[in-house]
PDB file of N, CA and C in Angstrom:
ATOM      1  N   MET A   1      20.061 -17.593  35.335  1.00  0.00           N
ATOM      2  CA  MET A   1      18.805 -17.864  35.404  1.00  0.00           C
ATOM      3  C   MET A   1      18.414 -16.342  36.001  1.00  0.00           C
ATOM      4  N   PHE A   2      17.076 -15.953  35.675  1.00  0.00           N
ATOM      5  CA  PHE A   2      16.070 -14.591  35.768  1.00  0.00           C
ATOM      6  C   PHE A   2      15.402 -14.998  36.915  1.00  0.00           C
ATOM      7  N   PRO A   3      15.291 -14.100  38.075  1.00  0.00           N
ATOM      8  CA  PRO A   3      14.244 -14.160  39.351  1.00  0.00           C
ATOM      9  C   PRO A   3      13.245 -14.423  38.513  1.00  0.00           C
ATOM     10  N   LEU A   4      12.401 -15.162  39.004  1.00  0.00           N
ATOM     11  CA  LEU A   4      10.947 -15.211  38.800  1.00  0.00           C
ATOM     12  C   LEU A   4      10.308 -13.840  38.640  1.00  0.00           C
ATOM     13  N   ALA A   5      10.045 -12.559  39.354  1.00  0.00           N
ATOM     14  CA  ALA A   5      10.016 -11.457  39.598  1.00  0.00           C
ATOM     15  C   ALA A   5      10.349 -10.732  38.582  1.00  0.00           C
ATOM     16  N   LEU A   6      11.534 -11.059  38.410  1.00  0.00           N
ATOM     17  CA  LEU A   6      12.482 -10.155  36.997  1.00  0.00           C
ATOM     18  C   LEU A   6      11.309 -10.593  36.040  1.00  0.00           C
ATOM     19  N   LEU A   7      10.866 -11.635  35.306  1.00  0.00           N
ATOM     20  CA  LEU A   7      10.544 -12.510  34.245  1.00  0.00           C
ATOM     21  C   LEU A   7       9.104 -12.118  34.396  1.00  0.00           C
ATOM     22  N   THR A   8       8.164 -12.095  35.485  1.00  0.00           N
ATOM     23  CA  THR A   8       6.863 -11.768  35.195  1.00  0.00           C
ATOM     24  C   THR A   8       6.168 -10.007  34.882  1.00  0.00           C
ATOM     25  N   HIS A   9       7.902  -9.338  35.459  1.00  0.00           N
ATOM     26  CA  HIS A   9       7.639  -8.099  35.212  1.00  0.00           C
ATOM     27  C   HIS A   9       7.862  -7.425  33.826  1.00  0.00           C
ATOM     28  N   LEU A  10       8.846  -8.651  33.333  1.00  0.00           N
ATOM     29  CA  LEU A  10       8.980  -8.221  31.896  1.00  0.00           C
ATOM     30  C   LEU A  10       7.925  -8.954  31.042  1.00  0.00           C
ATOM     31  N   ARG A  11       7.010  -9.798  31.317  1.00  0.00           N
ATOM     32  CA  ARG A  11       5.709  -9.899  30.675  1.00  0.00           C
ATOM     33  C   ARG A  11       4.835  -9.290  30.529  1.00  0.00           C
ATOM     34  N   PHE A  12       4.918  -8.439  32.095  1.00  0.00           N
ATOM     35  CA  PHE A  12       3.825  -7.199  32.039  1.00  0.00           C
ATOM     36  C   PHE A  12       3.967  -6.168  31.183  1.00  0.00           C
ATOM     37  N   LEU A  13       5.490  -5.699  31.376  1.00  0.00           N
ATOM     38  CA  LEU A  13       5.738  -5.103  30.194  1.00  0.00           C
ATOM     39  C   LEU A  13       5.823  -5.305  28.837  1.00  0.00           C
ATOM     40  N   GLY A  14       6.187  -6.459  28.275  1.00  0.00           N
ATOM     41  CA  GLY A  14       5.884  -6.932  26.662  1.00  0.00           C
ATOM     42  C   GLY A  14       4.323  -6.989  26.493  1.00  0.00           C
ATOM     43  N   ILE A  15       3.731  -7.124  27.290  1.00  0.00           N
ATOM     44  CA  ILE A  15       1.546  -7.291  26.916  1.00  0.00           C
ATOM     45  C   ILE A  15       1.448  -5.473  27.099  1.00  0.00           C
ATOM     46  N   LEU A  16       2.026  -4.601  27.655  1.00  0.00           N
ATOM     47  CA  LEU A  16       1.710  -3.402  27.564  1.00  0.00           C
ATOM     48  C   LEU A  16       1.982  -2.624  26.658  1.00  0.00           C
ATOM     49  N   MET A  17       3.652  -3.175  25.927  1.00  0.00           N
ATOM     50  CA  MET A  17       4.077  -2.400  25.053  1.00  0.00           C
ATOM     51  C   MET A  17       3.202  -3.119  23.423  1.00  0.00           C
ATOM     52  N   ALA A  18       2.655  -4.646  23.603  1.00  0.00           N
ATOM     53  CA  ALA A  18       2.112  -4.841  22.637  1.00  0.00           C
ATOM     54  C   ALA A  18       0.917  -4.007  22.543  1.00  0.00           C
ATOM     55  N   GLY A  19       0.247  -4.289  23.497  1.00  0.00           N
ATOM     56  CA  GLY A  19      -1.270  -3.556  23.731  1.00  0.00           C
ATOM     57  C   GLY A  19      -1.157  -1.785  23.302  1.00  0.00           C
ATOM     58  N   ALA A  20      -0.716  -1.247  23.706  1.00  0.00           N
ATOM     59  CA  ALA A  20       0.011  -0.028  23.366  1.00  0.00           C
ATOM     60  C   ALA A  20      -0.369   0.252  22.043  1.00  0.00           C
ATOM     61  N   TYR A  21       0.921  -0.557  21.444  1.00  0.00           N
ATOM     62  CA  TYR A  21       1.048  -0.324  19.842  1.00  0.00           C
ATOM     63  C   TYR A  21      -0.310  -0.799  19.359  1.00  0.00           C
ATOM     64  N   GLY A  22      -0.615  -1.626  19.330  1.00  0.00           N
ATOM     65  CA  GLY A  22      -1.161  -2.288  18.655  1.00  0.00           C
ATOM     66  C   GLY A  22      -2.943  -1.466  18.664  1.00  0.00           C
ATOM     67  N   LEU A  23      -3.000  -1.124  20.160  1.00  0.00           N
ATOM     68  CA  LEU A  23      -4.288   0.162  20.059  1.00  0.00           C
ATOM     69  C   LEU A  23      -3.763   1.483  19.104  1.00  0.00           C
ATOM     70  N   ILE A  24      -2.618   2.296  19.303  1.00  0.00           N
ATOM     71  CA  ILE A  24      -2.402   3.482  19.384  1.00  0.00           C
ATOM     72  C   ILE A  24      -2.751   3.556  17.736  1.00  0.00           C
ATOM     73  N   ASN A  25      -2.164   2.327  16.679  1.00  0.00           N
ATOM     74  CA  ASN A  25      -2.173   2.234  15.324  1.00  0.00           C
ATOM     75  C   ASN A  25      -3.686   2.087  14.935  1.00  0.00           C
ATOM     76  N   VAL A  26      -4.770   1.491  15.704  1.00  0.00           N
ATOM     77  CA  VAL A  26      -5.990   1.230  15.584  1.00  0.00           C
ATOM     78  C   VAL A  26      -6.737   2.132  15.828  1.00  0.00           C
ATOM     79  N   LEU A  27      -6.275   2.986  16.616  1.00  0.00           N
ATOM     80  CA  LEU A  27      -7.021   4.361  16.912  1.00  0.00           C
ATOM     81  C   LEU A  27      -6.860   5.310  16.008  1.00  0.00           C
ATOM     82  N   LEU A  28      -5.544   5.495  15.489  1.00  0.00           N
ATOM     83  CA  LEU A  28      -5.082   6.929  14.184  1.00  0.00           C
ATOM     84  C   LEU A  28      -5.698   6.075  13.018  1.00  0.00           C
ATOM     85  N   GLU A  29      -5.625   4.903  12.669  1.00  0.00           N
ATOM     86  CA  GLU A  29      -6.551   4.343  11.442  1.00  0.00           C
ATOM     87  C   GLU A  29      -7.681   4.782  11.370  1.00  0.00           C
ATOM     88  N   ALA A  30      -8.856   4.538  12.540  1.00  0.00           N
ATOM     89  CA  ALA A  30      -9.920   5.056  12.766  1.00  0.00           C
ATOM     90  C   ALA A  30     -10.270   6.375  12.677  1.00  0.00           C
ATOM     91  N   LEU A  31      -9.415   7.221  13.224  1.00  0.00           N
ATOM     92  CA  LEU A  31      -8.900   8.842  12.934  1.00  0.00           C
ATOM     93  C   LEU A  31      -9.228   9.157  12.233  1.00  0.00           C
ATOM     94  N   ALA A  32      -8.044   8.549  11.057  1.00  0.00           N
ATOM     95  CA  ALA A  32      -7.508   9.152  10.107  1.00  0.00           C
ATOM     96  C   ALA A  32      -9.290   8.950   9.078  1.00  0.00           C
ATOM     97  N   LEU A  33     -10.114   8.648   8.955  1.00  0.00           N
ATOM     98  CA  LEU A  33     -11.287   8.636   8.387  1.00  0.00           C
ATOM     99  C   LEU A  33     -12.023   9.670   8.338  1.00  0.00           C
ATOM    100  N   VAL A  34     -12.030  10.435  10.254  1.00  0.00           N
ATOM    101  CA  VAL A  34     -12.101  11.664  10.422  1.00  0.00           C
ATOM    102  C   VAL A  34     -11.900  13.207  10.181  1.00  0.00           C
ATOM    103  N   THR A  35     -10.260  12.059  10.605  1.00  0.00           N
ATOM    104  CA  THR A  35      -9.763  13.718  10.484  1.00  0.00           C
ATOM    105  C   THR A  35      -8.686  14.263   9.445  1.00  0.00           C
ATOM    106  N   ASP A  36      -9.209  13.325   8.050  1.00  0.00           N
ATOM    107  CA  ASP A  36      -8.354  13.937   7.045  1.00  0.00           C
ATOM    108  C   ASP A  36      -8.164  15.118   6.620  1.00  0.00           C
ATOM    109  N   GLY A  37      -6.933  15.349   6.483  1.00  0.00           N
ATOM    110  CA  GLY A  37      -6.614  17.257   6.510  1.00  0.00           C
ATOM    111  C   GLY A  37      -6.198  18.043   7.784  1.00  0.00           C
ATOM    112  N   TRP A  38      -6.362  17.439   8.601  1.00  0.00           N
ATOM    113  CA  TRP A  38      -6.160  17.982  10.104  1.00  0.00           C
ATOM    114  C   TRP A  38      -4.472  17.837  10.492  1.00  0.00           C
ATOM    115  N   THR A  39      -4.128  18.731  11.372  1.00  0.00           N
ATOM    116  CA  THR A  39      -2.533  18.872  11.969  1.00  0.00           C
ATOM    117  C   THR A  39      -2.369  17.144  12.621  1.00  0.00           C
ATOM    118  N   HIS A  40      -1.244  17.449  12.874  1.00  0.00           N
ATOM    119  CA  HIS A  40      -0.590  16.284  13.884  1.00  0.00           C
ATOM    120  C   HIS A  40      -1.632  16.278  15.211  1.00  0.00           C
ATOM    121  N   TRP A  41      -1.232  17.358  15.240  1.00  0.00           N
ATOM    122  CA  TRP A  41      -1.859  17.816  17.074  1.00  0.00           C
ATOM    123  C   TRP A  41      -3.129  18.083  17.062  1.00  0.00           C
ATOM    124  N   GLY A  42      -4.336  17.970  16.256  1.00  0.00           N
ATOM    125  CA  GLY A  42      -5.561  18.256  15.986  1.00  0.00           C
ATOM    126  C   GLY A  42      -5.940  16.001  16.017  1.00  0.00           C
ATOM    127  N   THR A  43      -5.164  15.947  15.127  1.00  0.00           N
ATOM    128  CA  THR A  43      -5.423  14.476  15.598  1.00  0.00           C
ATOM    129  C   THR A  43      -4.934  13.623  17.119  1.00  0.00           C
ATOM    130  N   THR A  44      -3.637  14.219  17.553  1.00  0.00           N
ATOM    131  CA  THR A  44      -3.542  13.664  18.777  1.00  0.00           C
ATOM    132  C   THR A  44      -4.383  13.732  19.911  1.00  0.00           C
ATOM    133  N   LEU A  45      -4.809  15.607  19.770  1.00  0.00           N
ATOM    134  CA  LEU A  45      -6.043  15.300  20.479  1.00  0.00           C
ATOM    135  C   LEU A  45      -6.752  15.110  20.669  1.00  0.00           C
ATOM    136  N   LEU A  46      -7.698  14.257  19.769  1.00  0.00           N
ATOM    137  CA  LEU A  46      -8.527  13.558  19.899  1.00  0.00           C
ATOM    138  C   LEU A  46      -8.362  11.439  20.559  1.00  0.00           C
ATOM    139  N   ALA A  47      -6.904  11.762  19.959  1.00  0.00           N
ATOM    140  CA  ALA A  47      -6.927  10.047  20.089  1.00  0.00           C
ATOM    141  C   ALA A  47      -6.127  10.084  22.056  1.00  0.00           C
ATOM    142  N   VAL A  48      -5.621  11.146  22.340  1.00  0.00           N
ATOM    143  CA  VAL A  48      -4.426  11.161  23.441  1.00  0.00           C
ATOM    144  C   VAL A  48      -6.021  10.232  24.795  1.00  0.00           C
ATOM    145  N   PRO A  49      -7.245  11.277  24.880  1.00  0.00           N
ATOM    146  CA  PRO A  49      -7.805  10.707  25.778  1.00  0.00           C
ATOM    147  C   PRO A  49      -8.923   9.395  25.600  1.00  0.00           C
ATOM    148  N   VAL A  50      -8.726   9.181  24.478  1.00  0.00           N
ATOM    149  CA  VAL A  50      -9.437   7.537  24.109  1.00  0.00           C
ATOM    150  C   VAL A  50      -8.751   6.532  24.231  1.00  0.00           C
ATOM    151  N   MET A  51      -7.081   6.993  23.790  1.00  0.00           N
ATOM    152  CA  MET A  51      -6.159   5.866  24.299  1.00  0.00           C
ATOM    153  C   MET A  51      -5.269   5.902  26.076  1.00  0.00           C
ATOM    154  N   VAL A  52      -5.866   6.849  26.610  1.00  0.00           N
ATOM    155  CA  VAL A  52      -5.109   6.876  27.833  1.00  0.00           C
ATOM    156  C   VAL A  52      -6.485   5.869  28.597  1.00  0.00           C
ATOM    157  N   LEU A  53      -8.084   6.190  28.367  1.00  0.00           N
ATOM    158  CA  LEU A  53      -9.065   5.421  29.007  1.00  0.00           C
ATOM    159  C   LEU A  53      -8.907   3.791  28.358  1.00  0.00           C
ATOM    160  N   ALA A  54      -8.470   3.719  27.020  1.00  0.00           N
ATOM    161  CA  ALA A  54      -8.430   2.326  26.910  1.00  0.00           C
ATOM    162  C   ALA A  54      -7.205   1.325  27.790  1.00  0.00           C
ATOM    163  N   MET A  55      -6.094   2.261  27.855  1.00  0.00           N
ATOM    164  CA  MET A  55      -4.801   1.766  28.510  1.00  0.00           C
ATOM    165  C   MET A  55      -5.525   1.372  29.907  1.00  0.00           C
ATOM    166  N   VAL A  56      -6.309   2.550  30.682  1.00  0.00           N
ATOM    167  CA  VAL A  56      -6.510   2.290  32.164  1.00  0.00           C
ATOM    168  C   VAL A  56      -7.357   0.772  32.413  1.00  0.00           C
ATOM    169  N   HIS A  57      -8.005   0.642  31.451  1.00  0.00           N
ATOM    170  CA  HIS A  57      -9.497  -0.052  31.849  1.00  0.00           C
ATOM    171  C   HIS A  57      -9.936  -1.230  30.841  1.00  0.00           C
ATOM    172  N   LEU A  58      -8.749  -1.535  29.961  1.00  0.00           N
ATOM    173  CA  LEU A  58      -8.474  -2.729  29.001  1.00  0.00           C
ATOM    174  C   LEU A  58      -7.095  -2.962  29.249  1.00  0.00           C
ATOM    175  N   VAL A  59      -6.377  -2.451  28.549  1.00  0.00           N
ATOM    176  CA  VAL A  59      -4.712  -2.950  28.640  1.00  0.00           C
ATOM    177  C   VAL A  59      -3.703  -3.493  29.741  1.00  0.00           C
ATOM    178  N   ILE A  60      -4.035  -2.218  30.910  1.00  0.00           N
ATOM    179  CA  ILE A  60      -3.422  -2.312  32.006  1.00  0.00           C
ATOM    180  C   ILE A  60      -4.370  -3.724  32.981  1.00  0.00           C
ATOM    181  N   PRO A  61      -5.127  -3.532  33.320  1.00  0.00           N
ATOM    182  CA  PRO A  61      -5.948  -4.534  33.525  1.00  0.00           C
ATOM    183  C   PRO A  61      -5.496  -6.449  32.946  1.00  0.00           C
ATOM    184  N   PHE A  62      -5.686  -6.545  31.526  1.00  0.00           N
ATOM    185  CA  PHE A  62      -5.117  -7.559  30.871  1.00  0.00           C
ATOM    186  C   PHE A  62      -4.157  -7.874  31.434  1.00  0.00           C
ATOM    187  N   ALA A  63      -2.919  -6.805  30.977  1.00  0.00           N
ATOM    188  CA  ALA A  63      -1.876  -7.157  31.257  1.00  0.00           C
ATOM    189  C   ALA A  63      -1.191  -7.741  33.041  1.00  0.00           C
ATOM    190  N   ARG A  64      -1.933  -7.218  33.834  1.00  0.00           N
ATOM    191  CA  ARG A  64      -2.079  -7.226  35.370  1.00  0.00           C
ATOM    192  C   ARG A  64      -2.556  -8.761  35.369  1.00  0.00           C
ATOM    193  N   ARG A  65      -3.558  -9.399  34.743  1.00  0.00           N
ATOM    194  CA  ARG A  65      -3.983 -10.534  34.478  1.00  0.00           C
ATOM    195  C   ARG A  65      -2.674 -11.674  33.932  1.00  0.00           C
ATOM    196  N   GLY A  66      -1.236 -11.058  33.601  1.00  0.00           N
ATOM    197  CA  GLY A  66      -0.892 -11.966  32.816  1.00  0.00           C
ATOM    198  C   GLY A  66      -1.402 -12.302  31.810  1.00  0.00           C
ATOM    199  N   GLY A  67      -1.847 -11.434  30.982  1.00  0.00           N
ATOM    200  CA  GLY A  67      -2.396 -12.065  29.426  1.00  0.00           C
ATOM    201  C   GLY A  67      -3.472 -13.077  29.616  1.00  0.00           C
ATOM    202  N   LYS A  68      -4.518 -13.350  30.384  1.00  0.00           N
ATOM    203  CA  LYS A  68      -5.318 -14.155  30.232  1.00  0.00           C
ATOM    204  C   LYS A  68      -6.718 -13.922  30.511  1.00  0.00           C
TER     205      LYS A  68
END
């Protein structure tokens, strides 16, 4: 049997990974409308600040509450 702390940690990581995956895909799709024809580097230059802010202020606090 896994210790409760390990299961809690795995749940936290799972929520973070799902949140980051969903967030980056939505963000890149939205930016594709604006950055059509830009290089990959230019698109990620716009995506990274938004991604970091959303992770710090939305996804991580949600994951710390256990997804509630």
